[in-house]
C-alpha atoms as a PDB file:
ATOM      1  CA  MET A   1     204.358  71.392  38.058  1.00  0.00           C
ATOM      2  CA  ASN A   2     205.953  69.942  34.957  1.00  0.00           C
ATOM      3  CA  TYR A   3     207.540  73.032  33.401  1.00  0.00           C
ATOM      4  CA  PRO A   4     208.647  71.465  30.114  1.00  0.00           C
ATOM      5  CA  SER A   5     205.145  70.197  29.375  1.00  0.00           C
ATOM      6  CA  VAL A   6     203.802  73.651  30.108  1.00  0.00           C
ATOM      7  CA  LEU A   7     206.228  75.159  27.625  1.00  0.00           C
ATOM      8  CA  LEU A   8     205.217  72.691  24.973  1.00  0.00           C
ATOM      9  CA  PHE A   9     201.543  73.370  25.622  1.00  0.00           C
ATOM     10  CA  LEU A  10     202.243  77.054  25.053  1.00  0.00           C
ATOM     11  CA  LEU A  11     204.091  76.342  21.852  1.00  0.00           C
ATOM     12  CA  ILE A  12     201.084  74.462  20.556  1.00  0.00           C
ATOM     13  CA  SER A  13     198.331  76.763  21.794  1.00  0.00           C
ATOM     14  CA  SER A  14     199.797  80.187  21.062  1.00  0.00           C
ATOM     15  CA  ILE A  15     199.681  80.072  17.284  1.00  0.00           C
ATOM     16  CA  ASN A  16     196.593  81.347  15.461  1.00  0.00           C
ATOM     17  CA  GLY A  17     194.432  78.867  13.634  1.00  0.00           C
ATOM     18  CA  VAL A  18     193.042  75.482  14.475  1.00  0.00           C
ATOM     19  CA  ARG A  19     195.629  72.851  15.076  1.00  0.00           C
ATOM     20  CA  VAL A  20     194.798  69.731  17.015  1.00  0.00           C
ATOM     21  CA  PRO A  21     197.825  68.788  19.084  1.00  0.00           C
ATOM     22  CA  LYS A  22     199.239  65.335  18.643  1.00  0.00           C
ATOM     23  CA  LEU A  23     199.175  63.104  21.704  1.00  0.00           C
ATOM     24  CA  TYR A  24     202.642  62.155  22.933  1.00  0.00           C
ATOM     25  CA  GLU A  25     203.830  59.486  25.293  1.00  0.00           C
ATOM     26  CA  ILE A  26     206.885  60.736  27.173  1.00  0.00           C
ATOM     27  CA  ASP A  27     209.275  58.033  28.359  1.00  0.00           C
ATOM     28  CA  LEU A  28     210.182  59.042  31.899  1.00  0.00           C
ATOM     29  CA  ASP A  29     212.866  56.352  31.905  1.00  0.00           C
ATOM     30  CA  ALA A  30     214.693  58.187  29.097  1.00  0.00           C
ATOM     31  CA  PRO A  31     217.366  60.698  30.088  1.00  0.00           C
ATOM     32  CA  PRO A  32     215.608  63.970  31.017  1.00  0.00           C
ATOM     33  CA  ARG A  33     217.481  65.952  28.354  1.00  0.00           C
ATOM     34  CA  GLU A  34     216.098  63.663  25.630  1.00  0.00           C
ATOM     35  CA  ARG A  35     212.467  63.218  26.737  1.00  0.00           C
ATOM     36  CA  TRP A  36     210.992  66.100  24.774  1.00  0.00           C
ATOM     37  CA  ASN A  37     213.107  65.912  21.596  1.00  0.00           C
ATOM     38  CA  LYS A  38     210.332  64.452  19.423  1.00  0.00           C
ATOM     39  CA  VAL A  39     207.798  67.020  20.635  1.00  0.00           C
ATOM     40  CA  VAL A  40     210.187  69.897  19.948  1.00  0.00           C
ATOM     41  CA  GLU A  41     211.055  68.461  16.537  1.00  0.00           C
ATOM     42  CA  ASP A  42     207.375  68.180  15.584  1.00  0.00           C
ATOM     43  CA  HIS A  43     206.674  71.781  16.634  1.00  0.00           C
ATOM     44  CA  ARG A  44     209.833  73.463  15.411  1.00  0.00           C
ATOM     45  CA  ASP A  45     207.837  75.575  12.938  1.00  0.00           C
ATOM     46  CA  LEU A  46     205.827  77.115  15.803  1.00  0.00           C
ATOM     47  CA  ILE A  47     208.796  78.172  17.929  1.00  0.00           C
ATOM     48  CA  PRO A  48     209.636  81.494  16.202  1.00  0.00           C
ATOM     49  CA  GLY A  49     206.036  82.694  16.477  1.00  0.00           C
ATOM     50  CA  PHE A  50     205.813  81.748  20.097  1.00  0.00           C
ATOM     51  CA  VAL A  51     209.100  83.456  20.923  1.00  0.00           C
ATOM     52  CA  LYS A  52     207.831  86.638  19.271  1.00  0.00           C
ATOM     53  CA  VAL A  53     204.617  86.569  21.318  1.00  0.00           C
ATOM     54  CA  ALA A  54     206.491  85.794  24.541  1.00  0.00           C
ATOM     55  CA  GLN A  55     208.936  88.646  23.962  1.00  0.00           C
ATOM     56  CA  SER A  56     206.068  91.092  23.513  1.00  0.00           C
ATOM     57  CA  TYR A  57     205.337  90.836  27.251  1.00  0.00           C
ATOM     58  CA  VAL A  58     208.711  92.272  28.246  1.00  0.00           C
ATOM     59  CA  PRO A  59     210.053  95.730  27.321  1.00  0.00           C
ATOM     60  CA  LYS A  60     212.667  95.271  24.596  1.00  0.00           C
ATOM     61  CA  HIS A  61     215.489  96.891  26.570  1.00  0.00           C
ATOM     62  CA  LEU A  62     214.904  94.461  29.458  1.00  0.00           C
ATOM     63  CA  LEU A  63     214.919  91.261  27.375  1.00  0.00           C
ATOM     64  CA  PRO A  64     218.654  90.472  27.737  1.00  0.00           C
ATOM     65  CA  ILE A  65     218.505  90.912  31.512  1.00  0.00           C
ATOM     66  CA  ALA A  66     215.256  88.945  31.798  1.00  0.00           C
ATOM     67  CA  PHE A  67     216.661  86.038  29.783  1.00  0.00           C
ATOM     68  CA  TRP A  68     219.885  86.013  31.787  1.00  0.00           C
ATOM     69  CA  ILE A  69     217.990  85.967  35.098  1.00  0.00           C
ATOM     70  CA  ALA A  70     215.665  83.240  33.824  1.00  0.00           C
ATOM     71  CA  GLY A  71     218.636  81.110  32.762  1.00  0.00           C
ATOM     72  CA  GLU A  72     220.107  81.465  36.243  1.00  0.00           C
ATOM     73  CA  LEU A  73     216.782  80.498  37.840  1.00  0.00           C
ATOM     74  CA  ASN A  74     216.850  77.140  36.067  1.00  0.00           C
ATOM     75  CA  ARG A  75     219.386  75.779  38.534  1.00  0.00           C
ATOM     76  CA  PHE A  76     216.847  76.201  41.337  1.00  0.00           C
ATOM     77  CA  PHE A  77     214.337  73.879  39.673  1.00  0.00           C
ATOM     78  CA  PRO A  78     214.212  70.222  40.681  1.00  0.00           C
ATOM     79  CA  TYR A  79     216.947  68.260  38.903  1.00  0.00           C
ATOM     80  CA  GLU A  80     214.741  66.468  36.366  1.00  0.00           C
ATOM     81  CA  TYR A  81     212.903  69.662  35.360  1.00  0.00           C
ATOM     82  CA  GLU A  82     216.197  71.492  35.042  1.00  0.00           C
ATOM     83  CA  GLU A  83     217.549  68.778  32.770  1.00  0.00           C
ATOM     84  CA  GLU A  84     214.347  68.598  30.706  1.00  0.00           C
ATOM     85  CA  ILE A  85     214.457  72.350  30.143  1.00  0.00           C
ATOM     86  CA  ARG A  86     218.119  72.130  29.128  1.00  0.00           C
ATOM     87  CA  GLY A  87     217.154  69.400  26.658  1.00  0.00           C
ATOM     88  CA  ILE A  88     214.333  71.497  25.215  1.00  0.00           C
ATOM     89  CA  ALA A  89     216.713  74.440  24.834  1.00  0.00           C
ATOM     90  CA  LYS A  90     219.252  72.287  23.022  1.00  0.00           C
ATOM     91  CA  ALA A  91     216.688  70.588  20.768  1.00  0.00           C
ATOM     92  CA  SER A  92     214.940  73.857  19.895  1.00  0.00           C
ATOM     93  CA  GLY A  93     218.074  75.918  19.417  1.00  0.00           C
ATOM     94  CA  LEU A  94     216.807  78.485  21.919  1.00  0.00           C
ATOM     95  CA  ALA A  95     218.951  79.872  24.686  1.00  0.00           C
ATOM     96  CA  LEU A  96     218.282  78.390  28.104  1.00  0.00           C
ATOM     97  CA  GLY A  97     217.059  81.748  29.405  1.00  0.00           C
ATOM     98  CA  HIS A  98     214.450  81.913  26.648  1.00  0.00           C
ATOM     99  CA  VAL A  99     213.026  78.502  27.510  1.00  0.00           C
ATOM    100  CA  VAL A 100     212.945  79.187  31.249  1.00  0.00           C
ATOM    101  CA  SER A 101     211.376  82.608  30.738  1.00  0.00           C
ATOM    102  CA  MET A 102     208.654  81.120  28.550  1.00  0.00           C
ATOM    103  CA  ASN A 103     207.843  78.609  31.269  1.00  0.00           C
ATOM    104  CA  ILE A 104     207.663  81.405  33.822  1.00  0.00           C
ATOM    105  CA  LEU A 105     205.496  83.476  31.485  1.00  0.00           C
ATOM    106  CA  TYR A 106     203.109  80.564  31.102  1.00  0.00           C
ATOM    107  CA  ASP A 107     202.876  80.190  34.871  1.00  0.00           C
ATOM    108  CA  ILE A 108     201.987  83.865  35.198  1.00  0.00           C
ATOM    109  CA  LEU A 109     199.436  83.898  32.382  1.00  0.00           C
ATOM    110  CA  ALA A 110     197.821  80.582  33.299  1.00  0.00           C
ATOM    111  CA  PHE A 111     197.214  81.555  36.915  1.00  0.00           C
ATOM    112  CA  ASP A 112     193.494  81.226  37.667  1.00  0.00           C
ATOM    113  CA  ARG A 113     192.676  84.410  39.518  1.00  0.00           C
ATOM    114  CA  LYS A 114     189.175  83.256  40.444  1.00  0.00           C
ATOM    115  CA  GLN A 115     190.380  80.688  42.941  1.00  0.00           C
END
């Protein structure tokens, strides 16, 4: 699963209102940390709202621990995903743990329980 693309899908789809997402072509020959810079830049205005929604799923007193654990989990991802997530964190200004936790949250919420 391509975790960074999942995160970006969440960033686009979680905000109220109708907004047709722009189609992006991601250059897989580019360094992994740079691949998603344009997408993050174009959706920078959506990031605070998404972070607020994502944080609402975790009790406030557990957020620091959850983000720390999520940041540590990143090193267990395949190399390219790990680097892409680090690039998204840098480009967005979010802490690594925030970006990883949002990817994990998406995986949990997107799980199709009917299958």
